[in-house]
Amino acid sequence: MIEPIILEKLEELPESLQTEVLHYIEFLIDKHSKNSTQAESTKKRRVAGTMKGMFVLPLPDDFDEPLEDMKEYIKVKIN
């Protein structure tokens, strides 16, 4: 078993390093529990056609023109 070896090595460390080992163990436990929770959660599947009717075709004639909100930015960028 690996547990006695881990405990033996842990006892050889100074207390400050034992604290670091404890923090690392807690990190691993937290990381593992998050991974298992994510794996258990069901992924939402995308449904085709949910954006139907959101875009009007043909596109307007000024589609490629800069937006009103961006005109000031574009002026500054050019000058």
C-alpha atoms as a PDB file:
ATOM      1  CA  MET A   1       0.000   0.000   0.000  1.00  0.00           C
ATOM      2  CA  ILE A   2       1.143   3.517  -0.690  1.00  0.00           C
ATOM      3  CA  GLU A   3      -0.399   5.162   2.393  1.00  0.00           C
ATOM      4  CA  PRO A   4       2.318   4.091   4.863  1.00  0.00           C
ATOM      5  CA  ILE A   5       5.022   5.354   2.497  1.00  0.00           C
ATOM      6  CA  ILE A   6       3.254   8.698   2.128  1.00  0.00           C
ATOM      7  CA  LEU A   7       2.866   9.037   5.887  1.00  0.00           C
ATOM      8  CA  GLU A   8       6.510   8.118   6.469  1.00  0.00           C
ATOM      9  CA  LYS A   9       7.726  10.704   3.967  1.00  0.00           C
ATOM     10  CA  LEU A  10       5.329  13.301   5.373  1.00  0.00           C
ATOM     11  CA  GLU A  11       6.702  12.832   8.885  1.00  0.00           C
ATOM     12  CA  GLU A  12      10.231  13.482   7.588  1.00  0.00           C
ATOM     13  CA  LEU A  13       9.238  16.931   6.348  1.00  0.00           C
ATOM     14  CA  PRO A  14       9.356  20.063   8.506  1.00  0.00           C
ATOM     15  CA  GLU A  15       5.998  21.386   9.660  1.00  0.00           C
ATOM     16  CA  SER A  16       5.977  24.235   7.137  1.00  0.00           C
ATOM     17  CA  LEU A  17       6.294  21.774   4.263  1.00  0.00           C
ATOM     18  CA  GLN A  18       3.692  19.508   5.820  1.00  0.00           C
ATOM     19  CA  THR A  19       1.313  22.467   5.653  1.00  0.00           C
ATOM     20  CA  GLU A  20       2.109  22.893   1.965  1.00  0.00           C
ATOM     21  CA  VAL A  21       1.442  19.201   1.384  1.00  0.00           C
ATOM     22  CA  LEU A  22      -1.903  19.575   3.150  1.00  0.00           C
ATOM     23  CA  HIS A  23      -2.820  22.532   0.929  1.00  0.00           C
ATOM     24  CA  TYR A  24      -1.840  20.584  -2.164  1.00  0.00           C
ATOM     25  CA  ILE A  25      -3.947  17.608  -1.080  1.00  0.00           C
ATOM     26  CA  GLU A  26      -6.920  19.925  -0.534  1.00  0.00           C
ATOM     27  CA  PHE A  27      -6.321  21.438  -3.986  1.00  0.00           C
ATOM     28  CA  LEU A  28      -6.303  17.979  -5.587  1.00  0.00           C
ATOM     29  CA  ILE A  29      -9.495  16.974  -3.785  1.00  0.00           C
ATOM     30  CA  ASP A  30     -11.213  20.184  -4.889  1.00  0.00           C
ATOM     31  CA  LYS A  31      -9.993  19.778  -8.473  1.00  0.00           C
ATOM     32  CA  HIS A  32     -11.129  16.159  -8.597  1.00  0.00           C
ATOM     33  CA  SER A  33     -14.574  16.952  -7.198  1.00  0.00           C
ATOM     34  CA  LYS A  34     -15.059  19.746  -9.773  1.00  0.00           C
ATOM     35  CA  ASN A  35     -14.024  17.445 -12.626  1.00  0.00           C
ATOM     36  CA  SER A  36     -16.390  14.712 -11.527  1.00  0.00           C
ATOM     37  CA  THR A  37     -19.216  17.238 -11.118  1.00  0.00           C
ATOM     38  CA  GLN A  38     -18.638  18.598 -14.612  1.00  0.00           C
ATOM     39  CA  ALA A  39     -18.575  15.110 -16.070  1.00  0.00           C
ATOM     40  CA  GLU A  40     -21.863  14.271 -14.373  1.00  0.00           C
ATOM     41  CA  SER A  41     -23.643  17.414 -15.519  1.00  0.00           C
ATOM     42  CA  THR A  42     -25.489  17.006 -18.749  1.00  0.00           C
ATOM     43  CA  LYS A  43     -24.356  19.127 -21.642  1.00  0.00           C
ATOM     44  CA  LYS A  44     -27.016  21.281 -23.238  1.00  0.00           C
ATOM     45  CA  ARG A  45     -27.395  20.397 -26.865  1.00  0.00           C
ATOM     46  CA  ARG A  46     -27.900  23.139 -29.399  1.00  0.00           C
ATOM     47  CA  VAL A  47     -31.162  23.059 -31.243  1.00  0.00           C
ATOM     48  CA  ALA A  48     -31.096  23.841 -34.942  1.00  0.00           C
ATOM     49  CA  GLY A  49     -33.279  26.726 -36.051  1.00  0.00           C
ATOM     50  CA  THR A  50     -33.388  28.701 -32.803  1.00  0.00           C
ATOM     51  CA  MET A  51     -32.193  31.861 -34.593  1.00  0.00           C
ATOM     52  CA  LYS A  52     -34.734  31.526 -37.403  1.00  0.00           C
ATOM     53  CA  GLY A  53     -36.251  34.907 -38.244  1.00  0.00           C
ATOM     54  CA  MET A  54     -33.541  36.867 -36.417  1.00  0.00           C
ATOM     55  CA  PHE A  55     -31.787  37.929 -39.633  1.00  0.00           C
ATOM     56  CA  VAL A  56     -33.559  39.651 -42.458  1.00  0.00           C
ATOM     57  CA  LEU A  57     -32.340  38.927 -45.967  1.00  0.00           C
ATOM     58  CA  PRO A  58     -31.416  40.560 -48.230  1.00  0.00           C
ATOM     59  CA  LEU A  59     -29.038  42.651 -46.151  1.00  0.00           C
ATOM     60  CA  PRO A  60     -29.535  46.435 -46.152  1.00  0.00           C
ATOM     61  CA  ASP A  61     -27.575  48.513 -48.688  1.00  0.00           C
ATOM     62  CA  ASP A  62     -25.522  50.189 -45.926  1.00  0.00           C
ATOM     63  CA  PHE A  63     -24.478  46.890 -44.343  1.00  0.00           C
ATOM     64  CA  ASP A  64     -20.755  47.470 -44.980  1.00  0.00           C
ATOM     65  CA  GLU A  65     -20.810  51.099 -43.804  1.00  0.00           C
ATOM     66  CA  PRO A  66     -19.333  51.903 -40.363  1.00  0.00           C
ATOM     67  CA  LEU A  67     -21.775  51.943 -37.489  1.00  0.00           C
ATOM     68  CA  GLU A  68     -22.751  55.329 -36.040  1.00  0.00           C
ATOM     69  CA  ASP A  69     -21.119  54.384 -32.723  1.00  0.00           C
ATOM     70  CA  MET A  70     -17.798  53.674 -34.452  1.00  0.00           C
ATOM     71  CA  LYS A  71     -17.514  56.790 -36.647  1.00  0.00           C
ATOM     72  CA  GLU A  72     -15.725  58.831 -33.945  1.00  0.00           C
ATOM     73  CA  TYR A  73     -13.280  55.986 -33.301  1.00  0.00           C
ATOM     74  CA  ILE A  74     -12.537  55.627 -37.004  1.00  0.00           C
ATOM     75  CA  LYS A  75     -11.873  59.394 -37.334  1.00  0.00           C
ATOM     76  CA  VAL A  76      -9.368  59.275 -34.468  1.00  0.00           C
ATOM     77  CA  LYS A  77      -7.689  56.156 -35.880  1.00  0.00           C
ATOM     78  CA  ILE A  78      -7.161  57.719 -39.343  1.00  0.00           C
ATOM     79  CA  ASN A  79      -5.810  61.073 -38.128  1.00  0.00           C
END
